[in-house]
Amino acid sequence: MAKKFTNTRVLIGFIFRRDRIRLLLWILGIAIFAISIAALLPDLYPDKADKLVLAETMKNPAVTFMLGPSAGLNNYTDGAMMGHFMLVFTAMFAAIMSILLVTRHTREDEEDGRIEMIYSLPLGSLSNLTATLLTLLIANVLIFLLIGLGLYGLGIETMGLEGSLLFGASVGVVGIFYAALTGLFAQLASNVRTTLGLSFAFLIAEYIIRGSGDTGNQALSHLSPLGLITRSEVYVNNYWWPILLLLAISLLIYSFSLYLNSIRDLGAGFISTKPGKSQGSPYLSSPIGLALRLERTPIIAWALGIFILGSAYGSLLGDLEGFLSTSQLVQKMIPIVEGFSLTQSFVTMLITIISVIGTIPILMFVLKVNSEEKKDRISQLLATPVSRYSIIGSYTLIGLMAAFLIQLMSVLGLWLAASFTMEDVISFGTLLKAAIVNVPAMWIFVGVAVFLIGRFPKLTGLTWTYLICAFFIEYMGEFLKLPEWTTKLSPFSHVPSVPVDEVKVSTLLIILVIAFILIGIGFREYNRRDIE
């Protein structure tokens, strides 16, 4: 049995050497992000009256769905605020890190033939999976220690050592859980796309399960790792049992992954790929037809996922209406616009957040051309009478059109769920208009992605960094009272909040012009540069 783990330690060193920059950026980025936000909190809400108003707002079911429950609303200290605001949000970053890195060193290396080369060396059959998961274990432990000691080092009175370490441990254990889970999906799936799709689908589903449980049946939240860590009640009661439970579950998943890895063939997965047709469709002879065929399953899956997310938010609007009408403090915080209800004012924020989340699949569709290039498939297409413009144009067009589909599905889910919970339902047309005005902002990200693909193909990861910044600005900017100049960095902040604000065509046109300028530059540079 020990021979199956031969030279695992050597392989761990190799993975650290290979990903030293990537790991360093992830670990320091997550830790600095959490610590810097904690350092701002004492100055953001210095008075008890401010904290009282904020605590009242946190009882809003829509806010609870987004952030999770808070155990310290009766005494809303800086520590309780930090645990409520940032725990789920920071843990999701650790989960994303684990998903991407585990996929990279398991299924991606296997698909590209690197694992076969590695196994030609004196390594055990289970060494690669074990080394990958142990590397992520070390990375998440470092995140735990950096965050825990960093938060305690701030010297904030209500952020003691135990609570700070528990906050860091909660973030780290979620990263460990998703590392093990992605390792399992890498055994079940037969390609990178399915592995990533299953992992991110599980993360989104668990976020929705947690939100639904936090606003309804509390027991439902215990089925989600994100829901479990909120039960630790960081900086309030400091319960450690959710951490131990998640570690035990992660160990079981890891053990099952090892078993599956030991009985499957290299390059294969337990979810077999459906055999294709004996004759291809005529549409596959065109670049746009081929691109659509490659993106068909992700488009359908993301459309359904966004529909479910919209439905989850829409199911809260009935409770939201009653909450807003009875809370005088919240009524003072939300600006009253003549002719519009408080619910309509609040829904505009929800649609913006859903639009930011909906940009994730759009970027995936566009950046697919970059991954195809890395796998040397684009050069094969260019060997036929196909132009570069038609190749990158196909994926760009899919991204642009997918923005409308994503917005339509999110609004459809939001409106259908709201129609069952609200007495005075907001019209479908109004919600659709509020969603469509966000499309130009989504196209900005398409433009950034195309520009980087054409000019700096090795820096396309910056697109995700920009989206994360925009998500943070829209998601937490109001609560954290970010400076006005930072909010302007997000293209969504320039979009009118329909139906409360009037639609300024000139503003939308400027956003569209910027997006298409970026796309145009990207097309030109892609046509000029060497294909990898």
Protein backbone atom coordinates (compact mmCIF):
# COMPACT_ATOMS: atom_id res chain seq x y z
CA MET A 1 0.00 0.00 0.00
CA ALA A 2 2.83 2.40 0.85
CA LYS A 3 4.20 1.99 -2.70
CA LYS A 4 1.12 3.77 -4.04
CA PHE A 5 2.29 6.95 -2.28
CA THR A 6 5.96 6.73 -3.30
CA ASN A 7 7.70 10.12 -3.62
CA THR A 8 4.57 12.07 -2.71
CA ARG A 9 6.74 14.52 -0.77
CA VAL A 10 8.89 15.14 -3.85
CA LEU A 11 5.78 15.81 -5.92
CA ILE A 12 4.50 18.29 -3.31
CA GLY A 13 7.75 20.22 -3.70
CA PHE A 14 7.35 20.13 -7.47
CA ILE A 15 3.80 21.54 -7.25
CA PHE A 16 4.95 24.32 -4.93
CA ARG A 17 7.82 25.11 -7.30
CA ARG A 18 5.51 25.16 -10.30
CA ASP A 19 2.79 27.28 -8.68
CA ARG A 20 4.89 29.34 -6.28
CA ILE A 21 3.69 32.69 -7.67
CA ARG A 22 0.08 31.61 -8.10
CA LEU A 23 -0.13 30.16 -4.59
CA LEU A 24 1.58 33.17 -3.05
CA LEU A 25 -0.86 35.57 -4.71
CA TRP A 26 -3.89 33.54 -3.63
CA ILE A 27 -2.75 33.09 -0.02
CA LEU A 28 -1.65 36.70 0.51
CA GLY A 29 -4.58 38.08 -1.46
CA ILE A 30 -7.21 36.30 0.65
CA ALA A 31 -5.45 37.09 3.93
CA ILE A 32 -4.79 40.77 3.15
CA PHE A 33 -8.33 41.18 1.87
CA ALA A 34 -9.89 39.94 5.13
CA ILE A 35 -7.48 41.81 7.40
CA SER A 36 -7.79 45.12 5.54
CA ILE A 37 -11.60 45.03 5.72
CA ALA A 38 -11.44 44.30 9.47
CA ALA A 39 -9.12 47.28 9.95
CA LEU A 40 -11.73 49.59 8.37
CA LEU A 41 -14.73 48.53 10.47
CA PRO A 42 -14.07 50.52 13.69
CA ASP A 43 -13.97 53.78 11.73
CA LEU A 44 -16.95 52.96 9.52
CA TYR A 45 -19.46 52.54 12.36
CA PRO A 46 -17.90 54.19 15.44
CA ASP A 47 -21.13 55.03 17.30
CA LYS A 48 -23.58 52.65 18.96
CA ALA A 49 -26.42 54.39 17.12
CA ASP A 50 -24.81 53.57 13.76
CA LYS A 51 -24.36 49.95 14.79
CA LEU A 52 -28.01 49.81 15.95
CA VAL A 53 -29.24 50.98 12.55
CA LEU A 54 -26.93 48.52 10.79
CA ALA A 55 -28.03 45.63 13.02
CA GLU A 56 -31.66 46.41 12.19
CA THR A 57 -30.81 46.28 8.50
CA MET A 58 -29.10 42.93 8.93
CA LYS A 59 -32.45 41.42 9.95
CA ASN A 60 -33.61 41.96 6.38
CA PRO A 61 -34.24 38.47 4.89
CA ALA A 62 -32.56 39.44 1.60
CA VAL A 63 -29.42 40.55 3.45
CA THR A 64 -29.49 37.34 5.52
CA PHE A 65 -29.71 35.36 2.27
CA MET A 66 -26.63 37.15 0.93
CA LEU A 67 -24.44 37.31 4.04
CA GLY A 68 -25.77 34.66 6.38
CA PRO A 69 -27.20 34.93 9.90
CA SER A 70 -25.61 36.92 12.70
CA ALA A 71 -25.61 35.78 16.30
CA GLY A 72 -24.63 39.16 17.72
CA LEU A 73 -27.30 41.56 16.49
CA ASN A 74 -28.35 42.48 20.05
CA ASN A 75 -24.80 43.65 20.70
CA TYR A 76 -23.43 44.36 17.23
CA THR A 77 -19.73 44.77 17.96
CA ASP A 78 -16.96 45.16 15.41
CA GLY A 79 -16.14 41.49 15.83
CA ALA A 80 -19.72 40.34 15.28
CA MET A 81 -19.91 42.67 12.27
CA MET A 82 -16.72 41.18 10.80
CA GLY A 83 -17.99 37.63 11.24
CA HIS A 84 -21.32 38.50 9.66
CA PHE A 85 -20.02 40.60 6.76
CA MET A 86 -16.95 38.74 5.67
CA LEU A 87 -16.96 35.09 6.76
CA VAL A 88 -19.02 33.56 3.92
CA PHE A 89 -17.55 35.97 1.39
CA THR A 90 -13.92 35.21 2.31
CA ALA A 91 -14.57 31.46 2.54
CA MET A 92 -15.91 31.46 -1.03
CA PHE A 93 -12.60 32.91 -2.21
CA ALA A 94 -10.75 30.04 -0.52
CA ALA A 95 -13.16 27.59 -2.17
CA ILE A 96 -12.52 29.10 -5.62
CA MET A 97 -8.76 28.89 -5.07
CA SER A 98 -9.00 25.21 -4.16
CA ILE A 99 -11.29 24.37 -7.08
CA LEU A 100 -9.01 25.99 -9.66
CA LEU A 101 -5.73 24.63 -8.31
CA VAL A 102 -6.91 21.07 -7.71
CA THR A 103 -8.41 20.93 -11.21
CA ARG A 104 -5.16 22.27 -12.64
CA HIS A 105 -3.00 19.56 -11.05
CA THR A 106 -5.36 16.62 -11.52
CA ARG A 107 -7.78 16.55 -14.43
CA GLU A 108 -6.09 19.29 -16.50
CA ASP A 109 -2.64 17.69 -16.22
CA GLU A 110 -4.18 14.33 -17.02
CA GLU A 111 -6.05 15.67 -20.04
CA ASP A 112 -2.94 17.39 -21.40
CA GLY A 113 -0.77 14.28 -20.99
CA ARG A 114 1.48 15.61 -18.22
CA ILE A 115 0.37 13.02 -15.66
CA GLU A 116 1.43 10.22 -18.00
CA MET A 117 4.92 11.76 -18.17
CA ILE A 118 5.05 12.11 -14.39
CA TYR A 119 4.01 8.50 -13.87
CA SER A 120 6.91 7.38 -16.06
CA LEU A 121 9.05 8.37 -13.08
CA PRO A 122 9.26 6.34 -9.82
CA LEU A 123 5.98 7.62 -8.35
CA GLY A 124 3.10 5.81 -6.70
CA SER A 125 -0.24 5.59 -8.48
CA LEU A 126 -1.93 7.74 -5.81
CA SER A 127 0.93 10.20 -5.37
CA ASN A 128 -0.38 12.95 -7.65
CA LEU A 129 -3.84 13.22 -6.12
CA THR A 130 -2.41 13.01 -2.60
CA ALA A 131 0.30 15.57 -3.32
CA THR A 132 -2.24 17.97 -4.83
CA LEU A 133 -4.62 17.76 -1.87
CA LEU A 134 -1.78 18.01 0.67
CA THR A 135 -0.51 21.12 -1.14
CA LEU A 136 -3.94 22.72 -0.87
CA LEU A 137 -4.12 21.60 2.76
CA ILE A 138 -0.87 23.46 3.47
CA ALA A 139 -2.08 26.51 1.52
CA ASN A 140 -5.35 26.68 3.44
CA VAL A 141 -3.58 26.18 6.78
CA LEU A 142 -1.37 29.16 5.89
CA ILE A 143 -4.49 31.18 5.09
CA PHE A 144 -5.93 30.14 8.46
CA LEU A 145 -2.83 31.24 10.35
CA LEU A 146 -2.30 34.48 8.43
CA ILE A 147 -5.91 35.58 8.83
CA GLY A 148 -6.21 34.47 12.44
CA LEU A 149 -3.01 36.09 13.65
CA GLY A 150 -3.50 39.10 11.39
CA LEU A 151 -6.98 39.87 12.72
CA TYR A 152 -5.79 39.47 16.31
CA GLY A 153 -2.79 41.67 15.56
CA LEU A 154 -5.08 44.58 14.68
CA GLY A 155 -5.71 45.02 18.40
CA ILE A 156 -9.46 45.56 18.06
CA GLU A 157 -11.09 44.99 21.44
CA THR A 158 -13.92 42.73 20.26
CA MET A 159 -11.65 40.62 18.04
CA GLY A 160 -9.92 38.31 20.50
CA LEU A 161 -7.41 35.58 19.74
CA GLU A 162 -9.89 32.68 19.82
CA GLY A 163 -12.43 34.42 17.59
CA SER A 164 -9.72 35.51 15.14
CA LEU A 165 -8.30 31.99 14.90
CA LEU A 166 -11.81 30.60 14.48
CA PHE A 167 -12.47 33.06 11.63
CA GLY A 168 -9.27 31.95 9.91
CA ALA A 169 -10.03 28.28 10.56
CA SER A 170 -13.53 28.67 9.08
CA VAL A 171 -12.09 30.12 5.90
CA GLY A 172 -9.35 27.48 5.70
CA VAL A 173 -11.64 24.51 6.33
CA VAL A 174 -13.97 25.55 3.49
CA GLY A 175 -10.95 25.66 1.20
CA ILE A 176 -9.92 22.18 2.40
CA PHE A 177 -13.44 20.85 1.86
CA TYR A 178 -13.65 22.10 -1.72
CA ALA A 179 -10.15 20.82 -2.46
CA ALA A 180 -11.27 17.33 -1.45
CA LEU A 181 -14.57 17.70 -3.31
CA THR A 182 -12.87 18.85 -6.52
CA GLY A 183 -10.48 15.90 -6.19
CA LEU A 184 -13.54 13.65 -6.14
CA PHE A 185 -15.10 15.34 -9.18
CA ALA A 186 -11.76 14.97 -11.00
CA GLN A 187 -12.22 11.19 -10.66
CA LEU A 188 -15.85 11.23 -11.74
CA ALA A 189 -15.47 13.58 -14.72
CA SER A 190 -13.50 12.81 -17.84
CA ASN A 191 -12.44 16.35 -18.75
CA VAL A 192 -11.53 19.72 -17.24
CA ARG A 193 -14.76 21.45 -18.25
CA THR A 194 -16.96 18.93 -16.46
CA THR A 195 -14.75 18.96 -13.36
CA LEU A 196 -14.92 22.74 -13.09
CA GLY A 197 -18.62 22.75 -13.94
CA LEU A 198 -19.49 20.25 -11.22
CA SER A 199 -17.31 22.01 -8.64
CA PHE A 200 -18.64 25.50 -9.27
CA ALA A 201 -22.21 24.23 -9.62
CA PHE A 202 -21.87 22.62 -6.19
CA LEU A 203 -20.46 25.85 -4.73
CA ILE A 204 -23.34 27.93 -6.12
CA ALA A 205 -25.91 25.33 -5.06
CA GLU A 206 -24.50 25.26 -1.53
CA TYR A 207 -24.62 29.06 -1.39
CA ILE A 208 -28.30 28.98 -2.38
CA ILE A 209 -29.03 26.15 0.09
CA ARG A 210 -27.36 28.14 2.85
CA GLY A 211 -29.31 31.28 1.99
CA SER A 212 -32.62 29.42 1.78
CA GLY A 213 -31.97 27.72 5.10
CA ASP A 214 -30.91 30.93 6.84
CA THR A 215 -34.17 32.61 5.80
CA GLY A 216 -36.38 29.55 6.31
CA ASN A 217 -35.68 26.08 7.64
CA GLN A 218 -32.48 26.50 9.66
CA ALA A 219 -31.67 22.79 9.45
CA LEU A 220 -31.25 23.17 5.69
CA SER A 221 -28.18 25.37 6.22
CA HIS A 222 -26.38 22.49 7.94
CA LEU A 223 -26.27 20.70 4.58
CA SER A 224 -24.00 23.42 3.22
CA PRO A 225 -20.37 23.92 4.30
CA LEU A 226 -20.97 27.67 3.98
CA GLY A 227 -23.94 27.30 6.31
CA LEU A 228 -21.99 25.20 8.78
CA ILE A 229 -19.24 27.77 9.29
CA THR A 230 -21.80 30.49 10.08
CA ARG A 231 -22.90 28.26 13.00
CA SER A 232 -19.49 28.80 14.54
CA GLU A 233 -20.79 32.27 15.56
CA VAL A 234 -17.38 33.89 15.20
CA TYR A 235 -16.54 36.59 17.76
CA VAL A 236 -19.82 35.89 19.62
CA ASN A 237 -19.89 32.32 20.99
CA ASN A 238 -16.92 30.84 19.08
CA TYR A 239 -18.13 27.27 18.46
CA TRP A 240 -15.47 24.95 17.00
CA TRP A 241 -17.66 21.94 16.23
CA PRO A 242 -18.49 23.03 12.63
CA ILE A 243 -14.76 23.13 11.83
CA LEU A 244 -14.17 19.63 13.18
CA LEU A 245 -17.24 18.31 11.35
CA LEU A 246 -16.12 19.75 8.01
CA LEU A 247 -12.63 18.35 8.48
CA ALA A 248 -14.09 14.89 9.10
CA ILE A 249 -16.30 15.14 6.01
CA SER A 250 -13.32 16.31 3.93
CA LEU A 251 -11.29 13.31 5.09
CA LEU A 252 -14.08 10.94 4.04
CA ILE A 253 -14.33 12.59 0.61
CA TYR A 254 -10.56 12.39 0.19
CA SER A 255 -10.56 8.69 1.09
CA PHE A 256 -13.31 7.96 -1.42
CA SER A 257 -11.43 9.94 -4.08
CA LEU A 258 -8.33 7.81 -3.49
CA TYR A 259 -10.38 4.65 -3.91
CA LEU A 260 -11.86 5.86 -7.19
CA ASN A 261 -8.44 6.98 -8.40
CA SER A 262 -7.02 3.52 -7.69
CA ILE A 263 -9.62 1.66 -9.80
CA ARG A 264 -10.04 3.90 -12.84
CA ASP A 265 -7.94 4.06 -16.00
CA LEU A 266 -5.68 7.03 -16.64
CA GLY A 267 -7.50 9.61 -18.74
CA ALA A 268 -10.93 8.11 -18.04
CA GLY A 269 -13.72 9.18 -15.70
CA PHE A 270 -16.66 7.42 -14.11
CA ILE A 271 -19.05 9.81 -15.84
CA SER A 272 -18.45 8.55 -19.35
CA THR A 273 -18.57 10.91 -22.29
CA LYS A 274 -21.53 10.29 -24.55
CA PRO A 275 -20.39 9.01 -27.94
CA GLY A 276 -20.90 11.48 -30.75
CA LYS A 277 -22.91 11.01 -33.91
CA SER A 278 -21.43 9.13 -36.83
CA GLN A 279 -21.88 12.23 -38.98
CA GLY A 280 -21.42 15.78 -37.80
CA SER A 281 -23.97 18.53 -38.28
CA PRO A 282 -23.40 20.90 -41.22
CA TYR A 283 -23.27 23.73 -38.70
CA LEU A 284 -19.98 22.34 -37.33
CA SER A 285 -18.28 23.34 -40.56
CA SER A 286 -18.43 26.98 -39.49
CA PRO A 287 -16.46 28.54 -36.59
CA ILE A 288 -19.62 29.86 -34.91
CA GLY A 289 -21.30 26.44 -35.19
CA LEU A 290 -18.29 24.69 -33.67
CA ALA A 291 -18.04 27.25 -30.87
CA LEU A 292 -21.74 26.90 -30.06
CA ARG A 293 -21.41 23.12 -29.97
CA LEU A 294 -18.49 23.36 -27.54
CA GLU A 295 -20.35 25.85 -25.35
CA ARG A 296 -23.81 24.25 -25.57
CA THR A 297 -23.77 22.36 -22.29
CA PRO A 298 -22.26 25.20 -20.21
CA ILE A 299 -24.76 27.68 -21.67
CA ILE A 300 -27.72 25.47 -20.74
CA ALA A 301 -26.31 24.69 -17.29
CA TRP A 302 -25.58 28.33 -16.43
CA ALA A 303 -28.95 29.49 -17.74
CA LEU A 304 -30.68 27.03 -15.41
CA GLY A 305 -28.37 27.99 -12.52
CA ILE A 306 -29.08 31.71 -12.92
CA PHE A 307 -32.81 30.96 -13.15
CA ILE A 308 -32.60 29.11 -9.82
CA LEU A 309 -30.61 31.95 -8.26
CA GLY A 310 -33.20 34.47 -9.42
CA SER A 311 -35.97 32.26 -8.03
CA ALA A 312 -34.19 32.06 -4.68
CA TYR A 313 -34.05 35.85 -4.41
CA GLY A 314 -37.61 36.21 -5.69
CA SER A 315 -38.93 33.89 -2.99
CA LEU A 316 -37.71 36.40 -0.38
CA LEU A 317 -39.57 39.41 -1.74
CA GLY A 318 -42.81 38.61 0.12
CA ASP A 319 -41.02 38.64 3.50
CA LEU A 320 -38.99 41.63 2.38
CA GLU A 321 -42.10 43.70 1.72
CA GLY A 322 -43.40 43.09 5.25
CA PHE A 323 -40.01 43.74 6.80
CA LEU A 324 -39.51 47.05 5.02
CA SER A 325 -42.98 48.26 5.92
CA THR A 326 -42.51 47.59 9.66
CA SER A 327 -38.89 48.71 10.13
CA GLN A 328 -38.69 52.47 10.56
CA LEU A 329 -34.88 52.35 10.73
CA VAL A 330 -34.57 50.68 7.34
CA GLN A 331 -37.10 53.08 5.84
CA LYS A 332 -34.79 55.91 6.85
CA MET A 333 -31.82 54.21 5.22
CA ILE A 334 -33.46 53.44 1.88
CA PRO A 335 -34.19 56.63 -0.08
CA ILE A 336 -37.90 57.16 -0.67
CA VAL A 337 -38.65 57.95 -4.31
CA GLU A 338 -42.09 59.25 -5.13
CA GLY A 339 -44.13 56.71 -7.04
CA PHE A 340 -41.93 53.74 -6.09
CA SER A 341 -42.17 51.33 -3.17
CA LEU A 342 -39.31 50.47 -0.83
CA THR A 343 -39.31 46.97 -2.30
CA GLN A 344 -38.76 48.33 -5.80
CA SER A 345 -35.82 50.38 -4.55
CA PHE A 346 -34.31 47.30 -2.91
CA VAL A 347 -34.89 45.01 -5.90
CA THR A 348 -32.62 47.17 -8.06
CA MET A 349 -29.71 46.18 -5.82
CA LEU A 350 -30.60 42.49 -6.11
CA ILE A 351 -30.70 42.68 -9.91
CA THR A 352 -27.28 44.35 -9.97
CA ILE A 353 -25.77 41.58 -7.82
CA ILE A 354 -27.35 38.88 -10.00
CA SER A 355 -25.98 40.67 -13.08
CA VAL A 356 -22.46 40.61 -11.64
CA ILE A 357 -22.79 36.88 -10.90
CA GLY A 358 -24.21 36.38 -14.40
CA THR A 359 -21.02 37.84 -15.86
CA ILE A 360 -19.09 34.76 -14.66
CA PRO A 361 -20.42 32.39 -17.37
CA ILE A 362 -20.11 35.10 -20.01
CA LEU A 363 -16.39 35.40 -19.31
CA MET A 364 -16.06 31.63 -19.35
CA PHE A 365 -17.65 31.49 -22.81
CA VAL A 366 -15.31 34.17 -24.20
CA LEU A 367 -12.13 32.89 -22.54
CA LYS A 368 -12.79 29.44 -24.01
CA VAL A 369 -10.91 30.57 -27.12
CA ASN A 370 -7.83 31.13 -24.98
CA SER A 371 -7.99 27.64 -23.46
CA GLU A 372 -8.48 26.14 -26.94
CA GLU A 373 -5.34 27.94 -28.05
CA LYS A 374 -3.33 26.57 -25.12
CA LYS A 375 -4.41 23.05 -26.10
CA ASP A 376 -3.15 23.66 -29.67
CA ARG A 377 -6.60 23.33 -31.21
CA ILE A 378 -6.77 26.83 -32.69
CA SER A 379 -3.73 26.18 -34.87
CA GLN A 380 -5.51 23.15 -36.30
CA LEU A 381 -8.48 25.32 -37.26
CA LEU A 382 -6.21 27.90 -38.83
CA ALA A 383 -4.74 25.18 -41.03
CA THR A 384 -8.13 25.19 -42.79
CA PRO A 385 -9.60 28.15 -44.73
CA VAL A 386 -10.73 29.88 -41.49
CA SER A 387 -9.70 33.40 -40.49
CA ARG A 388 -8.62 34.48 -37.03
CA TYR A 389 -11.36 37.09 -36.99
CA SER A 390 -14.02 34.41 -37.46
CA ILE A 391 -12.60 32.33 -34.59
CA ILE A 392 -12.35 35.03 -31.95
CA GLY A 393 -15.50 36.67 -33.32
CA SER A 394 -17.50 33.47 -32.76
CA TYR A 395 -16.65 33.27 -29.06
CA THR A 396 -17.12 37.01 -28.62
CA LEU A 397 -20.56 36.88 -30.23
CA ILE A 398 -21.57 34.00 -27.96
CA GLY A 399 -20.50 36.04 -24.93
CA LEU A 400 -22.40 39.12 -26.08
CA MET A 401 -25.60 37.23 -26.82
CA ALA A 402 -25.33 35.12 -23.67
CA ALA A 403 -25.62 38.32 -21.61
CA PHE A 404 -29.21 38.74 -22.83
CA LEU A 405 -30.03 35.08 -22.14
CA ILE A 406 -28.57 35.23 -18.63
CA GLN A 407 -30.50 38.38 -17.79
CA LEU A 408 -33.74 36.97 -19.20
CA MET A 409 -33.43 33.76 -17.18
CA SER A 410 -32.58 35.59 -13.95
CA VAL A 411 -35.53 37.95 -14.28
CA LEU A 412 -37.86 35.11 -15.23
CA GLY A 413 -36.90 33.20 -12.09
CA LEU A 414 -37.13 36.34 -9.94
CA TRP A 415 -40.56 37.32 -11.27
CA LEU A 416 -42.08 33.81 -11.14
CA ALA A 417 -41.00 33.27 -7.52
CA ALA A 418 -42.08 36.78 -6.52
CA SER A 419 -45.53 36.26 -8.04
CA PHE A 420 -46.17 33.52 -5.45
CA THR A 421 -44.95 35.54 -2.46
CA MET A 422 -45.93 39.16 -3.14
CA GLU A 423 -49.39 40.68 -3.15
CA ASP A 424 -48.40 43.56 -5.42
CA VAL A 425 -45.97 41.95 -7.84
CA ILE A 426 -43.49 44.11 -9.72
CA SER A 427 -44.25 43.76 -13.43
CA PHE A 428 -42.11 41.47 -15.54
CA GLY A 429 -41.44 44.29 -17.99
CA THR A 430 -40.04 46.52 -15.24
CA LEU A 431 -37.74 43.79 -13.95
CA LEU A 432 -36.59 42.93 -17.48
CA LYS A 433 -35.81 46.58 -18.20
CA ALA A 434 -33.80 46.78 -14.97
CA ALA A 435 -31.82 43.72 -16.04
CA ILE A 436 -31.26 44.71 -19.67
CA VAL A 437 -29.72 48.08 -18.75
CA ASN A 438 -26.96 46.09 -17.02
CA VAL A 439 -26.02 44.33 -20.26
CA PRO A 440 -23.65 47.14 -21.44
CA ALA A 441 -21.74 46.79 -18.14
CA MET A 442 -21.50 43.04 -18.71
CA TRP A 443 -20.17 43.74 -22.21
CA ILE A 444 -17.36 45.81 -20.67
CA PHE A 445 -16.01 42.57 -19.20
CA VAL A 446 -16.33 40.90 -22.61
CA GLY A 447 -14.28 43.77 -24.02
CA VAL A 448 -11.60 43.42 -21.33
CA ALA A 449 -11.41 39.66 -21.93
CA VAL A 450 -11.09 40.03 -25.73
CA PHE A 451 -8.49 42.78 -25.31
CA LEU A 452 -6.35 40.58 -23.06
CA ILE A 453 -6.76 37.54 -25.34
CA GLY A 454 -5.51 39.61 -28.26
CA ARG A 455 -2.79 41.68 -26.60
CA PHE A 456 -1.76 39.87 -23.40
CA PRO A 457 -2.97 36.24 -23.64
CA LYS A 458 -1.00 35.18 -20.55
CA LEU A 459 -2.75 37.81 -18.40
CA THR A 460 -6.37 36.85 -19.03
CA GLY A 461 -6.66 36.03 -15.32
CA LEU A 462 -6.82 39.79 -14.71
CA THR A 463 -10.35 39.65 -16.10
CA TRP A 464 -11.42 37.58 -13.11
CA THR A 465 -9.62 39.95 -10.75
CA TYR A 466 -11.55 42.87 -12.20
CA LEU A 467 -14.85 40.98 -11.88
CA ILE A 468 -14.09 40.09 -8.26
CA CYS A 469 -13.41 43.77 -7.52
CA ALA A 470 -16.69 44.76 -9.17
CA PHE A 471 -18.55 42.08 -7.23
CA PHE A 472 -17.05 43.28 -3.97
CA ILE A 473 -17.92 46.91 -4.75
CA GLU A 474 -21.54 46.10 -5.59
CA TYR A 475 -21.94 43.46 -2.87
CA MET A 476 -20.29 45.19 0.07
CA GLY A 477 -19.62 48.76 -1.02
CA GLU A 478 -22.70 50.25 0.65
CA PHE A 479 -22.11 48.48 3.96
CA LEU A 480 -18.41 49.32 4.07
CA LYS A 481 -18.93 52.92 2.93
CA LEU A 482 -16.26 52.67 0.26
CA PRO A 483 -14.99 55.97 -1.21
CA GLU A 484 -16.87 57.24 -4.24
CA TRP A 485 -13.87 56.83 -6.55
CA THR A 486 -13.70 53.09 -5.81
CA THR A 487 -17.35 52.56 -6.69
CA LYS A 488 -16.77 54.16 -10.08
CA LEU A 489 -14.27 51.39 -10.91
CA SER A 490 -17.20 49.02 -11.40
CA PRO A 491 -19.04 49.47 -14.72
CA PHE A 492 -22.25 48.44 -12.96
CA SER A 493 -22.08 51.58 -10.80
CA HIS A 494 -22.58 53.69 -13.94
CA VAL A 495 -25.75 51.85 -14.93
CA PRO A 496 -29.08 53.50 -13.93
CA SER A 497 -31.04 51.72 -11.20
CA VAL A 498 -34.29 51.01 -13.01
CA PRO A 499 -37.10 51.70 -12.18
CA VAL A 500 -35.95 54.23 -9.56
CA ASP A 501 -33.57 56.11 -11.87
CA GLU A 502 -34.24 57.35 -15.35
CA VAL A 503 -32.40 55.63 -18.17
CA LYS A 504 -29.77 57.96 -19.64
CA VAL A 505 -29.12 56.72 -23.15
CA SER A 506 -25.93 58.78 -23.37
CA THR A 507 -24.40 56.95 -20.39
CA LEU A 508 -25.25 53.55 -21.82
CA LEU A 509 -23.85 54.56 -25.21
CA ILE A 510 -20.55 55.60 -23.61
CA ILE A 511 -20.30 52.21 -21.88
CA LEU A 512 -21.07 50.43 -25.16
CA VAL A 513 -18.48 52.48 -27.05
CA ILE A 514 -15.80 51.59 -24.47
CA ALA A 515 -16.74 47.91 -24.69
CA PHE A 516 -16.56 47.80 -28.49
CA ILE A 517 -13.30 49.78 -28.58
CA LEU A 518 -11.75 47.13 -26.33
CA ILE A 519 -13.21 44.38 -28.52
CA GLY A 520 -11.92 46.07 -31.67
CA ILE A 521 -8.38 46.42 -30.27
CA GLY A 522 -8.50 42.80 -29.12
CA PHE A 523 -9.53 41.62 -32.59
CA ARG A 524 -6.73 43.57 -34.25
CA GLU A 525 -4.06 42.32 -31.84
CA TYR A 526 -5.30 38.72 -32.06
CA ASN A 527 -4.97 38.87 -35.83
CA ARG A 528 -1.39 40.18 -35.54
CA ARG A 529 0.19 38.08 -32.80
CA ASP A 530 1.63 34.60 -32.92
CA ILE A 531 -0.63 31.75 -31.90
CA GLU A 532 0.84 29.81 -28.97
